[in-house]
Amino acid sequence: MNRVTPLDTQDVLEVAPHLQALVDRGGTIPTSLHVLARRPAVLNAFGPFFNSIMTEGGVPNGLKQLIAHVVSRSAGCLYCQAHTGHFAHTLAGESFERVEAVWAFETSELFNEAERAALRLARDSGIQPNSATDEHFDELKRYWSESEIVEIVSVISMFGFLNRFNDTLANELEPDAVQFSDAHLAQSGWTVGKHG
């Protein structure tokens, strides 16, 4: 149950008209944005910031969603795990198999060494205290440019904010995210928890 009452969609669109494009495509505005809309300046700054990290650069968008999923799982945010798994498939084109196997990235043949290095950093930097080491970066530099490493760390860092925001406020998950997660993430331990 939401600890802060989300604004209704019309009120969200009044303060963030750019979200109309999502609605027009048949998408659902996440509950977290309905809550964040209580601070319009933050919501309107967040949108371009989020998009610049998740849709621009040299790291594939699907991998960015999987990085966000792994760091969210390490941080324990069920809300963000649901969204990143769902968006990895629906927005970024990742296969159901890769989404379902992402937590087994170390051994799954569905992931290559470059992806493993990025996912390993996400896993180890999402826990507290942060367990990122120089060895993580030595491995990353074998596969990724320094600009791409900044992209990877930007995804991890942005989800630090989102994990805390959604987990602390117990934001309710939307039905489509719950349905996807029940079907594709529950076998690896996901539950709706306090976000139902």
Protein backbone atom coordinates (compact mmCIF):
# COMPACT_ATOMS: atom_id res chain seq x y z
CA MET A 1 0.00 0.00 0.00
CA ASN A 2 1.30 3.43 -0.94
CA ARG A 3 2.62 5.40 2.01
CA VAL A 4 1.99 8.63 0.08
CA THR A 5 -1.18 8.94 -2.01
CA PRO A 6 -0.39 8.94 -5.75
CA LEU A 7 -1.92 11.70 -7.85
CA ASP A 8 -4.45 10.61 -10.46
CA THR A 9 -3.34 10.37 -14.07
CA GLN A 10 -4.95 13.64 -15.15
CA ASP A 11 -3.10 15.53 -12.40
CA VAL A 12 0.17 13.84 -13.39
CA LEU A 13 -0.33 14.83 -17.03
CA GLU A 14 -1.03 18.43 -16.02
CA VAL A 15 2.39 18.73 -14.35
CA ALA A 16 4.23 16.41 -16.77
CA PRO A 17 2.56 16.64 -20.20
CA HIS A 18 5.48 14.76 -21.80
CA LEU A 19 4.08 11.56 -20.22
CA GLN A 20 1.07 11.77 -22.56
CA ALA A 21 3.20 10.06 -25.22
CA LEU A 22 3.48 7.00 -22.95
CA VAL A 23 -0.29 6.92 -22.44
CA ASP A 24 -0.88 7.37 -26.19
CA ARG A 25 1.28 4.28 -26.86
CA GLY A 26 -0.96 2.28 -24.52
CA GLY A 27 1.52 2.35 -21.65
CA THR A 28 0.86 2.79 -17.99
CA ILE A 29 2.44 5.62 -16.06
CA PRO A 30 4.18 3.86 -13.15
CA THR A 31 2.82 4.53 -9.67
CA SER A 32 6.21 5.92 -8.69
CA LEU A 33 5.71 8.78 -11.16
CA HIS A 34 2.19 9.39 -9.81
CA VAL A 35 3.85 9.92 -6.42
CA LEU A 36 6.84 11.86 -7.75
CA ALA A 37 4.37 14.22 -9.47
CA ARG A 38 3.75 15.74 -6.04
CA ARG A 39 7.11 17.42 -6.71
CA PRO A 40 6.63 18.54 -10.35
CA ALA A 41 10.11 20.03 -10.72
CA VAL A 42 11.68 16.75 -9.62
CA LEU A 43 9.46 14.68 -11.94
CA ASN A 44 10.17 16.94 -14.92
CA ALA A 45 13.92 16.88 -14.25
CA PHE A 46 13.89 13.14 -13.69
CA GLY A 47 12.35 12.21 -17.07
CA PRO A 48 15.15 13.55 -19.30
CA PHE A 49 17.78 12.37 -16.81
CA PHE A 50 16.34 8.83 -16.82
CA ASN A 51 16.08 8.73 -20.61
CA SER A 52 19.63 10.03 -21.10
CA ILE A 53 20.92 7.15 -18.99
CA MET A 54 18.65 4.35 -20.17
CA THR A 55 18.30 5.08 -23.90
CA GLU A 56 21.48 6.86 -25.02
CA GLY A 57 25.07 5.70 -25.37
CA GLY A 58 26.94 2.57 -26.37
CA VAL A 59 25.66 0.03 -23.84
CA PRO A 60 22.64 -1.86 -25.27
CA ASN A 61 19.32 -0.73 -23.77
CA GLY A 62 18.32 -4.29 -22.92
CA LEU A 63 21.52 -4.82 -20.95
CA LYS A 64 20.92 -1.54 -19.13
CA GLN A 65 17.52 -2.83 -18.01
CA LEU A 66 19.12 -6.10 -16.87
CA ILE A 67 21.82 -4.16 -14.98
CA ALA A 68 19.04 -2.15 -13.32
CA HIS A 69 17.24 -5.40 -12.48
CA VAL A 70 20.30 -6.99 -10.87
CA VAL A 71 21.22 -3.90 -8.83
CA SER A 72 17.58 -3.63 -7.70
CA ARG A 73 17.59 -7.24 -6.60
CA SER A 74 20.83 -6.71 -4.67
CA ALA A 75 19.26 -3.68 -3.01
CA GLY A 76 16.07 -5.65 -2.28
CA CYS A 77 13.62 -3.40 -4.16
CA LEU A 78 10.82 -5.64 -5.43
CA TYR A 79 9.11 -2.71 -7.18
CA CYS A 80 12.15 -1.93 -9.33
CA GLN A 81 12.84 -5.62 -9.97
CA ALA A 82 9.35 -5.95 -11.45
CA HIS A 83 9.66 -2.87 -13.63
CA THR A 84 13.16 -3.56 -14.91
CA GLY A 85 12.35 -7.19 -15.75
CA HIS A 86 9.14 -6.13 -17.49
CA PHE A 87 10.79 -3.21 -19.34
CA ALA A 88 13.79 -5.32 -20.36
CA HIS A 89 11.37 -7.44 -22.37
CA THR A 90 8.63 -5.01 -23.43
CA LEU A 91 10.67 -1.85 -24.08
CA ALA A 92 14.17 -3.15 -24.79
CA GLY A 93 13.45 -6.44 -26.57
CA GLU A 94 15.21 -8.84 -24.21
CA SER A 95 13.94 -12.41 -24.49
CA PHE A 96 11.91 -13.99 -21.71
CA GLU A 97 14.77 -16.49 -21.35
CA ARG A 98 17.41 -13.82 -20.66
CA VAL A 99 15.14 -12.00 -18.20
CA GLU A 100 14.40 -15.25 -16.39
CA ALA A 101 18.08 -16.28 -16.33
CA VAL A 102 19.61 -12.92 -15.42
CA TRP A 103 20.27 -13.87 -11.81
CA ALA A 104 22.21 -16.90 -13.08
CA PHE A 105 24.33 -14.71 -15.36
CA GLU A 106 27.60 -16.11 -13.97
CA THR A 107 26.92 -19.56 -15.44
CA SER A 108 24.17 -19.07 -18.02
CA GLU A 109 25.30 -19.45 -21.62
CA LEU A 110 22.79 -16.69 -22.49
CA PHE A 111 25.31 -14.08 -21.28
CA ASN A 112 28.76 -13.26 -22.65
CA GLU A 113 31.80 -12.16 -20.65
CA ALA A 114 31.24 -8.44 -21.29
CA GLU A 115 27.68 -8.72 -19.97
CA ARG A 116 28.83 -10.77 -17.00
CA ALA A 117 31.35 -8.08 -16.05
CA ALA A 118 28.64 -5.40 -16.09
CA LEU A 119 26.09 -7.54 -14.24
CA ARG A 120 28.70 -8.56 -11.66
CA LEU A 121 29.37 -4.89 -10.89
CA ALA A 122 25.61 -4.27 -10.58
CA ARG A 123 25.20 -7.18 -8.19
CA ASP A 124 28.16 -6.27 -6.02
CA SER A 125 27.60 -2.52 -5.91
CA GLY A 126 23.91 -2.84 -5.06
CA ILE A 127 24.52 -4.33 -1.64
CA GLN A 128 25.48 -2.38 1.47
CA PRO A 129 28.26 -1.79 2.02
CA ASN A 130 29.12 -1.43 -1.65
CA SER A 131 31.40 -4.30 -2.71
CA ALA A 132 32.78 -2.85 -5.97
CA THR A 133 36.54 -3.36 -6.25
CA ASP A 134 39.36 -2.40 -8.56
CA GLU A 135 39.12 -5.92 -9.96
CA HIS A 136 35.58 -5.20 -11.18
CA PHE A 137 36.91 -2.26 -13.16
CA ASP A 138 39.92 -4.17 -14.49
CA GLU A 139 37.44 -6.70 -15.89
CA LEU A 140 35.06 -4.04 -17.25
CA LYS A 141 37.94 -2.33 -19.10
CA ARG A 142 38.56 -5.53 -21.05
CA TYR A 143 35.17 -5.11 -22.78
CA TRP A 144 33.85 -1.59 -22.30
CA SER A 145 35.19 1.90 -23.03
CA GLU A 146 35.49 4.33 -20.14
CA SER A 147 32.43 6.18 -21.46
CA GLU A 148 30.47 2.92 -21.44
CA ILE A 149 31.67 2.18 -17.90
CA VAL A 150 30.29 5.57 -16.84
CA GLU A 151 26.98 4.55 -18.52
CA ILE A 152 26.92 1.29 -16.55
CA VAL A 153 27.67 3.04 -13.26
CA SER A 154 25.07 5.70 -14.10
CA VAL A 155 22.40 3.00 -14.44
CA ILE A 156 23.46 1.50 -11.11
CA SER A 157 23.49 4.90 -9.41
CA MET A 158 20.14 6.06 -10.76
CA PHE A 159 18.56 2.88 -9.48
CA GLY A 160 20.05 3.64 -6.09
CA PHE A 161 17.63 6.56 -6.02
CA LEU A 162 14.72 4.59 -7.47
CA ASN A 163 15.26 1.61 -5.17
CA ARG A 164 15.19 3.83 -2.09
CA PHE A 165 12.25 5.91 -3.34
CA ASN A 166 10.00 2.98 -4.24
CA ASP A 167 10.96 0.67 -1.41
CA THR A 168 10.65 3.36 1.27
CA LEU A 169 7.27 4.59 0.00
CA ALA A 170 5.96 1.04 -0.64
CA ASN A 171 4.64 2.20 -4.01
CA GLU A 172 2.02 -0.15 -5.41
CA LEU A 173 2.91 -2.08 -8.55
CA GLU A 174 0.70 -1.82 -11.59
CA PRO A 175 -1.17 -4.98 -12.67
CA ASP A 176 0.84 -5.47 -15.90
CA ALA A 177 4.16 -5.38 -13.99
CA VAL A 178 2.81 -7.85 -11.40
CA GLN A 179 1.51 -10.21 -14.09
CA PHE A 180 4.84 -10.19 -15.92
CA SER A 181 6.82 -10.70 -12.72
CA ASP A 182 4.61 -13.52 -11.47
CA ALA A 183 5.15 -15.28 -14.80
CA HIS A 184 8.86 -14.60 -15.32
CA LEU A 185 10.54 -13.58 -12.05
CA ALA A 186 8.77 -15.58 -9.33
CA GLN A 187 10.82 -18.71 -10.08
CA SER A 188 13.93 -16.84 -8.92
CA GLY A 189 12.35 -15.59 -5.71
CA TRP A 190 10.40 -12.46 -6.69
CA THR A 191 7.17 -11.66 -4.86
CA VAL A 192 5.00 -8.55 -4.88
CA GLY A 193 5.66 -8.05 -1.15
CA LYS A 194 4.56 -4.68 0.20
CA HIS A 195 3.97 -3.37 -3.33
CA GLY A 196 0.64 -5.22 -3.78
